C-alpha atoms as a PDB file:
ATOM      1  CA  MET A   1      13.472  61.818   7.147  1.00  0.00           C
ATOM      2  CA  THR A   2      16.494  60.184   8.765  1.00  0.00           C
ATOM      3  CA  GLU A   3      19.271  59.058   6.858  1.00  0.00           C
ATOM      4  CA  PHE A   4      21.774  56.158   7.773  1.00  0.00           C
ATOM      5  CA  GLY A   5      24.873  55.375   6.401  1.00  0.00           C
ATOM      6  CA  PRO A   6      26.053  51.759   5.176  1.00  0.00           C
ATOM      7  CA  PRO A   7      25.323  48.743   7.262  1.00  0.00           C
ATOM      8  CA  ARG A   8      27.587  47.192   9.586  1.00  0.00           C
ATOM      9  CA  ALA A   9      25.762  43.817   8.976  1.00  0.00           C
ATOM     10  CA  ILE A  10      23.054  42.323   6.645  1.00  0.00           C
ATOM     11  CA  LEU A  11      20.617  39.606   7.243  1.00  0.00           C
ATOM     12  CA  PHE A  12      19.287  37.413   4.646  1.00  0.00           C
ATOM     13  CA  ASP A  13      16.381  35.439   4.296  1.00  0.00           C
ATOM     14  CA  LEU A  14      17.054  32.165   2.629  1.00  0.00           C
ATOM     15  CA  ASP A  15      14.107  30.856   0.584  1.00  0.00           C
ATOM     16  CA  GLY A  16      13.304  33.326  -2.117  1.00  0.00           C
ATOM     17  CA  THR A  17      16.205  35.685  -1.353  1.00  0.00           C
ATOM     18  CA  LEU A  18      18.985  33.873  -1.710  1.00  0.00           C
ATOM     19  CA  ILE A  19      17.743  30.558  -3.159  1.00  0.00           C
ATOM     20  CA  ASP A  20      14.988  29.540  -5.258  1.00  0.00           C
ATOM     21  CA  SER A  21      14.054  26.591  -3.404  1.00  0.00           C
ATOM     22  CA  LEU A  22      10.563  25.948  -4.977  1.00  0.00           C
ATOM     23  CA  PRO A  23      11.254  22.968  -7.346  1.00  0.00           C
ATOM     24  CA  ASP A  24      12.534  20.799  -4.177  1.00  0.00           C
ATOM     25  CA  LEU A  25       9.629  21.928  -1.985  1.00  0.00           C
ATOM     26  CA  TYR A  26       7.337  21.459  -4.963  1.00  0.00           C
ATOM     27  CA  ARG A  27       8.578  17.647  -5.389  1.00  0.00           C
ATOM     28  CA  SER A  28       8.759  17.021  -1.734  1.00  0.00           C
ATOM     29  CA  ALA A  29       5.046  18.189  -1.185  1.00  0.00           C
ATOM     30  CA  ASN A  30       3.806  15.825  -4.272  1.00  0.00           C
ATOM     31  CA  ALA A  31       6.013  13.086  -2.743  1.00  0.00           C
ATOM     32  CA  MET A  32       4.047  13.688   0.404  1.00  0.00           C
ATOM     33  CA  LEU A  33       0.733  13.661  -0.969  1.00  0.00           C
ATOM     34  CA  ALA A  34       1.579  10.366  -2.963  1.00  0.00           C
ATOM     35  CA  ALA A  35       2.569   8.783  -0.077  1.00  0.00           C
ATOM     36  CA  LEU A  36      -0.935   9.524   1.725  1.00  0.00           C
ATOM     37  CA  GLY A  37      -2.834   8.346  -1.362  1.00  0.00           C
ATOM     38  CA  GLU A  38      -3.780  11.644  -2.425  1.00  0.00           C
ATOM     39  CA  PRO A  39      -3.750  13.729  -5.778  1.00  0.00           C
ATOM     40  CA  PRO A  40      -0.864  16.003  -6.652  1.00  0.00           C
ATOM     41  CA  LEU A  41      -1.105  19.734  -6.379  1.00  0.00           C
ATOM     42  CA  ASP A  42       0.058  22.347  -9.769  1.00  0.00           C
ATOM     43  CA  ARG A  43       3.218  23.762  -9.067  1.00  0.00           C
ATOM     44  CA  GLU A  44       1.611  27.553  -9.189  1.00  0.00           C
ATOM     45  CA  LEU A  45      -0.594  26.723  -6.208  1.00  0.00           C
ATOM     46  CA  VAL A  46       2.493  25.055  -4.123  1.00  0.00           C
ATOM     47  CA  SER A  47       4.316  28.408  -5.033  1.00  0.00           C
ATOM     48  CA  ARG A  48       1.567  30.244  -3.418  1.00  0.00           C
ATOM     49  CA  PHE A  49       2.104  28.486  -0.547  1.00  0.00           C
ATOM     50  CA  VAL A  50       5.715  28.626   0.210  1.00  0.00           C
ATOM     51  CA  GLY A  51       6.706  31.148   3.015  1.00  0.00           C
ATOM     52  CA  ASN A  52       6.440  31.158   6.674  1.00  0.00           C
ATOM     53  CA  GLY A  53       8.017  27.800   7.126  1.00  0.00           C
ATOM     54  CA  VAL A  54       7.718  24.234   6.439  1.00  0.00           C
ATOM     55  CA  ARG A  55       4.893  23.365   9.040  1.00  0.00           C
ATOM     56  CA  ASN A  56       2.756  26.253   7.234  1.00  0.00           C
ATOM     57  CA  LEU A  57       3.645  24.607   4.026  1.00  0.00           C
ATOM     58  CA  VAL A  58       2.680  21.231   5.049  1.00  0.00           C
ATOM     59  CA  HIS A  59      -0.795  22.732   6.569  1.00  0.00           C
ATOM     60  CA  ARG A  60      -1.482  24.509   3.403  1.00  0.00           C
ATOM     61  CA  VAL A  61      -0.386  21.726   0.984  1.00  0.00           C
ATOM     62  CA  LEU A  62      -2.743  19.134   3.116  1.00  0.00           C
ATOM     63  CA  THR A  63      -5.832  21.456   2.848  1.00  0.00           C
ATOM     64  CA  GLY A  64      -5.251  23.173  -0.287  1.00  0.00           C
ATOM     65  CA  ARG A  65      -5.658  26.690   1.269  1.00  0.00           C
ATOM     66  CA  ILE A  66      -3.215  29.357   2.278  1.00  0.00           C
ATOM     67  CA  ASP A  67      -4.981  29.579   5.645  1.00  0.00           C
ATOM     68  CA  GLY A  68      -5.650  25.962   6.148  1.00  0.00           C
ATOM     69  CA  GLN A  69      -4.864  23.881   9.285  1.00  0.00           C
ATOM     70  CA  ALA A  70      -5.153  19.918   8.707  1.00  0.00           C
ATOM     71  CA  ASP A  71      -6.277  17.928  11.318  1.00  0.00           C
ATOM     72  CA  ALA A  72      -3.299  16.892  13.884  1.00  0.00           C
ATOM     73  CA  ALA A  73      -2.769  13.211  13.047  1.00  0.00           C
ATOM     74  CA  ARG A  74      -2.818  13.902   9.413  1.00  0.00           C
ATOM     75  CA  PHE A  75      -0.675  16.739   9.847  1.00  0.00           C
ATOM     76  CA  GLU A  76       1.772  14.817  12.043  1.00  0.00           C
ATOM     77  CA  ARG A  77       2.063  12.015   9.536  1.00  0.00           C
ATOM     78  CA  GLY A  78       2.427  14.265   6.546  1.00  0.00           C
ATOM     79  CA  PHE A  79       4.994  16.496   8.182  1.00  0.00           C
ATOM     80  CA  ALA A  80       7.074  13.401   8.976  1.00  0.00           C
ATOM     81  CA  ILE A  81       6.772  12.320   5.311  1.00  0.00           C
ATOM     82  CA  PHE A  82       7.887  15.535   3.794  1.00  0.00           C
ATOM     83  CA  ARG A  83      10.672  16.357   6.503  1.00  0.00           C
ATOM     84  CA  ALA A  84      12.301  13.161   5.358  1.00  0.00           C
ATOM     85  CA  SER A  85      11.707  13.764   1.613  1.00  0.00           C
ATOM     86  CA  TYR A  86      12.910  17.258   1.637  1.00  0.00           C
ATOM     87  CA  LEU A  87      16.021  16.711   3.877  1.00  0.00           C
ATOM     88  CA  ASP A  88      17.116  14.140   1.398  1.00  0.00           C
ATOM     89  CA  GLY A  89      16.531  16.043  -1.716  1.00  0.00           C
ATOM     90  CA  CYS A  90      16.847  19.966  -0.527  1.00  0.00           C
ATOM     91  CA  CYS A  91      19.768  20.278  -3.104  1.00  0.00           C
ATOM     92  CA  VAL A  92      18.450  18.646  -6.115  1.00  0.00           C
ATOM     93  CA  GLU A  93      16.788  21.049  -8.320  1.00  0.00           C
ATOM     94  CA  SER A  94      17.200  24.143  -6.293  1.00  0.00           C
ATOM     95  CA  ARG A  95      19.186  27.228  -7.746  1.00  0.00           C
ATOM     96  CA  LEU A  96      20.962  30.212  -6.228  1.00  0.00           C
ATOM     97  CA  ARG A  97      19.212  33.709  -7.121  1.00  0.00           C
ATOM     98  CA  PRO A  98      21.178  35.220  -9.532  1.00  0.00           C
ATOM     99  CA  GLY A  99      24.314  36.966  -8.084  1.00  0.00           C
ATOM    100  CA  ALA A 100      23.838  35.327  -4.704  1.00  0.00           C
ATOM    101  CA  VAL A 101      27.397  34.183  -3.919  1.00  0.00           C
ATOM    102  CA  GLU A 102      28.727  37.199  -5.801  1.00  0.00           C
ATOM    103  CA  THR A 103      26.798  39.549  -3.470  1.00  0.00           C
ATOM    104  CA  LEU A 104      27.934  38.208  -0.389  1.00  0.00           C
ATOM    105  CA  ALA A 105      31.401  38.297  -1.228  1.00  0.00           C
ATOM    106  CA  ALA A 106      31.600  42.114  -2.426  1.00  0.00           C
ATOM    107  CA  LEU A 107      29.653  42.933   0.893  1.00  0.00           C
ATOM    108  CA  ARG A 108      32.457  41.064   2.781  1.00  0.00           C
ATOM    109  CA  GLU A 109      34.967  42.709   0.697  1.00  0.00           C
ATOM    110  CA  ARG A 110      33.476  46.306   2.000  1.00  0.00           C
ATOM    111  CA  GLY A 111      33.537  45.086   5.716  1.00  0.00           C
ATOM    112  CA  ILE A 112      30.018  44.009   5.983  1.00  0.00           C
ATOM    113  CA  ALA A 113      28.894  41.123   8.138  1.00  0.00           C
ATOM    114  CA  CYS A 114      26.412  38.847   6.389  1.00  0.00           C
ATOM    115  CA  GLY A 115      24.221  36.153   8.171  1.00  0.00           C
ATOM    116  CA  VAL A 116      20.986  34.058   7.235  1.00  0.00           C
ATOM    117  CA  LEU A 117      17.799  34.148   9.226  1.00  0.00           C
ATOM    118  CA  THR A 118      15.157  31.554   8.047  1.00  0.00           C
ATOM    119  CA  ASN A 119      12.151  29.744   9.151  1.00  0.00           C
ATOM    120  CA  LYS A 120      13.478  26.537   7.591  1.00  0.00           C
ATOM    121  CA  SER A 121      14.438  23.959   9.781  1.00  0.00           C
ATOM    122  CA  GLU A 122      18.094  23.997  10.800  1.00  0.00           C
ATOM    123  CA  ALA A 123      19.401  20.711   9.062  1.00  0.00           C
ATOM    124  CA  PRO A 124      18.113  21.424   5.401  1.00  0.00           C
ATOM    125  CA  MET A 125      19.290  25.019   6.036  1.00  0.00           C
ATOM    126  CA  LEU A 126      22.950  24.004   6.713  1.00  0.00           C
ATOM    127  CA  ARG A 127      22.818  21.598   3.998  1.00  0.00           C
ATOM    128  CA  ILE A 128      21.735  24.155   1.406  1.00  0.00           C
ATOM    129  CA  LEU A 129      24.283  26.863   2.405  1.00  0.00           C
ATOM    130  CA  GLU A 130      27.003  24.216   2.033  1.00  0.00           C
ATOM    131  CA  HIS A 131      25.937  22.586  -0.724  1.00  0.00           C
ATOM    132  CA  TYR A 132      25.427  26.202  -2.725  1.00  0.00           C
ATOM    133  CA  GLY A 133      28.563  27.590  -1.618  1.00  0.00           C
ATOM    134  CA  LEU A 134      27.110  30.151   0.687  1.00  0.00           C
ATOM    135  CA  SER A 135      28.389  28.877   4.228  1.00  0.00           C
ATOM    136  CA  SER A 136      32.044  30.664   4.002  1.00  0.00           C
ATOM    137  CA  HIS A 137      30.481  33.989   3.474  1.00  0.00           C
ATOM    138  CA  LEU A 138      28.202  34.140   6.572  1.00  0.00           C
ATOM    139  CA  GLY A 139      29.164  34.931  10.054  1.00  0.00           C
ATOM    140  CA  ALA A 140      25.740  33.419  11.468  1.00  0.00           C
ATOM    141  CA  ALA A 141      23.104  31.308  10.149  1.00  0.00           C
ATOM    142  CA  ILE A 142      19.687  30.578  12.177  1.00  0.00           C
ATOM    143  CA  GLY A 143      16.713  28.212  11.350  1.00  0.00           C
ATOM    144  CA  GLY A 144      13.389  28.311  12.234  1.00  0.00           C
ATOM    145  CA  ASP A 145      13.536  25.437  14.595  1.00  0.00           C
ATOM    146  CA  THR A 146      16.010  26.414  17.034  1.00  0.00           C
ATOM    147  CA  GLU A 147      15.598  27.793  20.622  1.00  0.00           C
ATOM    148  CA  PHE A 148      15.815  31.691  19.051  1.00  0.00           C
ATOM    149  CA  GLY A 149      11.928  30.975  17.603  1.00  0.00           C
ATOM    150  CA  ARG A 150      10.927  31.761  14.260  1.00  0.00           C
ATOM    151  CA  LYS A 151      10.262  34.970  12.178  1.00  0.00           C
ATOM    152  CA  PRO A 152       8.750  37.629  13.162  1.00  0.00           C
ATOM    153  CA  ASP A 153      10.031  36.974  16.600  1.00  0.00           C
ATOM    154  CA  PRO A 154      13.147  39.234  16.706  1.00  0.00           C
ATOM    155  CA  VAL A 155      15.145  37.108  18.931  1.00  0.00           C
ATOM    156  CA  GLY A 156      17.098  34.994  16.422  1.00  0.00           C
ATOM    157  CA  ALA A 157      17.519  38.501  14.526  1.00  0.00           C
ATOM    158  CA  PHE A 158      19.154  39.772  17.643  1.00  0.00           C
ATOM    159  CA  GLU A 159      21.292  36.419  18.228  1.00  0.00           C
ATOM    160  CA  ALA A 160      22.664  36.169  14.746  1.00  0.00           C
ATOM    161  CA  ALA A 161      23.520  39.970  15.014  1.00  0.00           C
ATOM    162  CA  ARG A 162      25.297  39.200  18.356  1.00  0.00           C
ATOM    163  CA  ARG A 163      27.398  36.157  16.583  1.00  0.00           C
ATOM    164  CA  MET A 164      28.236  38.746  13.680  1.00  0.00           C
ATOM    165  CA  GLY A 165      29.707  41.100  16.486  1.00  0.00           C
ATOM    166  CA  VAL A 166      26.850  43.870  16.345  1.00  0.00           C
ATOM    167  CA  ASP A 167      24.055  44.990  18.129  1.00  0.00           C
ATOM    168  CA  PRO A 168      20.973  46.544  15.896  1.00  0.00           C
ATOM    169  CA  ARG A 169      19.944  48.621  18.636  1.00  0.00           C
ATOM    170  CA  ARG A 170      23.203  50.701  18.539  1.00  0.00           C
ATOM    171  CA  ASP A 171      24.577  49.334  15.033  1.00  0.00           C
ATOM    172  CA  HIS A 172      22.974  50.079  11.595  1.00  0.00           C
ATOM    173  CA  CYS A 173      21.795  46.727  10.266  1.00  0.00           C
ATOM    174  CA  TRP A 174      19.661  45.636   7.300  1.00  0.00           C
ATOM    175  CA  LEU A 175      17.578  42.819   7.109  1.00  0.00           C
ATOM    176  CA  VAL A 176      16.970  41.481   3.435  1.00  0.00           C
ATOM    177  CA  GLY A 177      14.049  39.443   2.653  1.00  0.00           C
ATOM    178  CA  ASP A 178      10.967  38.676   0.167  1.00  0.00           C
ATOM    179  CA  SER A 179       7.802  38.764   2.516  1.00  0.00           C
ATOM    180  CA  ILE A 180       5.733  40.846   4.987  1.00  0.00           C
ATOM    181  CA  THR A 181       7.381  38.332   7.603  1.00  0.00           C
ATOM    182  CA  ASP A 182      10.946  39.516   6.959  1.00  0.00           C
ATOM    183  CA  LEU A 183       9.634  43.171   7.293  1.00  0.00           C
ATOM    184  CA  LYS A 184       7.682  42.513  10.639  1.00  0.00           C
ATOM    185  CA  THR A 185      11.157  41.006  11.710  1.00  0.00           C
ATOM    186  CA  ALA A 186      13.192  43.859  10.567  1.00  0.00           C
ATOM    187  CA  ALA A 187      11.025  46.310  12.433  1.00  0.00           C
ATOM    188  CA  ALA A 188      11.219  44.325  15.646  1.00  0.00           C
ATOM    189  CA  ALA A 189      15.035  43.817  15.500  1.00  0.00           C
ATOM    190  CA  CYS A 190      15.367  47.495  14.775  1.00  0.00           C
ATOM    191  CA  MET A 191      16.886  46.954  11.363  1.00  0.00           C
ATOM    192  CA  SER A 192      16.073  48.489   7.906  1.00  0.00           C
ATOM    193  CA  ALA A 193      14.226  46.371   5.911  1.00  0.00           C
ATOM    194  CA  ILE A 194      15.163  45.538   2.275  1.00  0.00           C
ATOM    195  CA  ALA A 195      12.457  43.714   0.185  1.00  0.00           C
ATOM    196  CA  ILE A 196      13.517  41.651  -2.957  1.00  0.00           C
ATOM    197  CA  ARG A 197      10.983  41.100  -5.539  1.00  0.00           C
ATOM    198  CA  GLY A 198      10.635  37.642  -7.288  1.00  0.00           C
ATOM    199  CA  GLY A 199      10.212  35.530  -4.194  1.00  0.00           C
ATOM    200  CA  TYR A 200       7.575  34.214  -2.340  1.00  0.00           C
ATOM    201  CA  HIS A 201       5.208  36.931  -1.333  1.00  0.00           C
ATOM    202  CA  HIS A 202       1.637  35.288  -1.832  1.00  0.00           C
ATOM    203  CA  GLY A 203       1.214  38.303  -4.321  1.00  0.00           C
ATOM    204  CA  GLU A 204       1.112  41.038  -1.897  1.00  0.00           C
ATOM    205  CA  PRO A 205       2.680  44.082  -3.455  1.00  0.00           C
ATOM    206  CA  PHE A 206       5.515  45.603  -1.040  1.00  0.00           C
ATOM    207  CA  GLU A 207       4.173  49.135  -1.568  1.00  0.00           C
ATOM    208  CA  ARG A 208       0.734  48.148   0.635  1.00  0.00           C
ATOM    209  CA  CYS A 209       2.732  46.354   3.726  1.00  0.00           C
ATOM    210  CA  ASP A 210       2.497  47.475   6.870  1.00  0.00           C
ATOM    211  CA  PRO A 211       5.450  48.041   7.902  1.00  0.00           C
ATOM    212  CA  ARG A 212       6.730  49.058   4.714  1.00  0.00           C
ATOM    213  CA  PRO A 213      10.171  48.534   3.711  1.00  0.00           C
ATOM    214  CA  ASP A 214      12.546  50.750   3.361  1.00  0.00           C
ATOM    215  CA  ARG A 215      14.038  49.853  -0.197  1.00  0.00           C
ATOM    216  CA  VAL A 216      12.557  47.617  -2.681  1.00  0.00           C
ATOM    217  CA  ILE A 217      15.281  45.793  -4.907  1.00  0.00           C
ATOM    218  CA  GLU A 218      14.877  43.651  -8.121  1.00  0.00           C
ATOM    219  CA  THR A 219      18.079  41.816  -7.798  1.00  0.00           C
ATOM    220  CA  LEU A 220      20.651  41.058  -5.334  1.00  0.00           C
ATOM    221  CA  GLY A 221      23.649  42.757  -7.117  1.00  0.00           C
ATOM    222  CA  GLU A 222      21.726  46.199  -6.423  1.00  0.00           C
ATOM    223  CA  LEU A 223      22.677  45.640  -2.639  1.00  0.00           C
ATOM    224  CA  VAL A 224      26.459  46.317  -3.372  1.00  0.00           C
ATOM    225  CA  ARG A 225      25.449  49.824  -4.724  1.00  0.00           C
ATOM    226  CA  LEU A 226      22.843  50.380  -2.274  1.00  0.00           C
ATOM    227  CA  VAL A 227      25.247  49.989   0.553  1.00  0.00           C
ATOM    228  CA  GLU A 228      27.145  52.927  -0.781  1.00  0.00           C
ATOM    229  CA  LEU A 229      24.402  55.221  -0.719  1.00  0.00           C
ATOM    230  CA  PRO A 230      22.522  56.757   2.383  1.00  0.00           C
ATOM    231  CA  LEU A 231      19.501  54.992   3.492  1.00  0.00           C
ATOM    232  CA  ALA A 232      16.467  57.143   4.086  1.00  0.00           C
ATOM    233  CA  ARG A 233      13.491  56.179   6.404  1.00  0.00           C
ATOM    234  CA  ALA A 234      10.542  57.847   7.425  1.00  0.00           C
ATOM    235  CA  MET A 235      10.136  58.549  11.071  1.00  0.00           C
END
């Protein structure tokens, strides 16, 4: 086992990690289906489709399958409808996960830089961060439709780290997220992976994931305690 001290920086996923965005994603998904003349989906099914970015969500909603791929013309029409609906209503019913703002503030007080790395498009990401009072606590925020690509590609993580004044290949950094995509991103970006339960993980236990997380937490508030303890990783 190799032990690490407190991180110099922590990157957070957004959907399912800092914010419960399902209500607004669900509403926009069914608004898209209604505009296409198709019946709505139930909330539980849409919740299983959330994760991996809006483009994947639209494919899944249009086909009703987690691995679905809609035909190109139908997808492009649906995606345009969904994108407009969600950008207009991404801050209507979404809610911060408990302790989100307080945790970011406490980490900053301890000298730990914080940032967001998400596969959500940049426009709704920025609107959400501002609306829910997260922006002022962040040294970087990168969306999935930027030049830095999408998770699990580590380019966005490296760029976010650069903006926060650290280099995960040299400095100890964490990535906190709710999905296997986040775990893969952390591994590729030389960051310790902290998995948080209660997000959008498609029902797969973190303990069965490859790569496995370095720690699993139930709430964001646990991070404040965790940064004060050594973090062990099997090598």
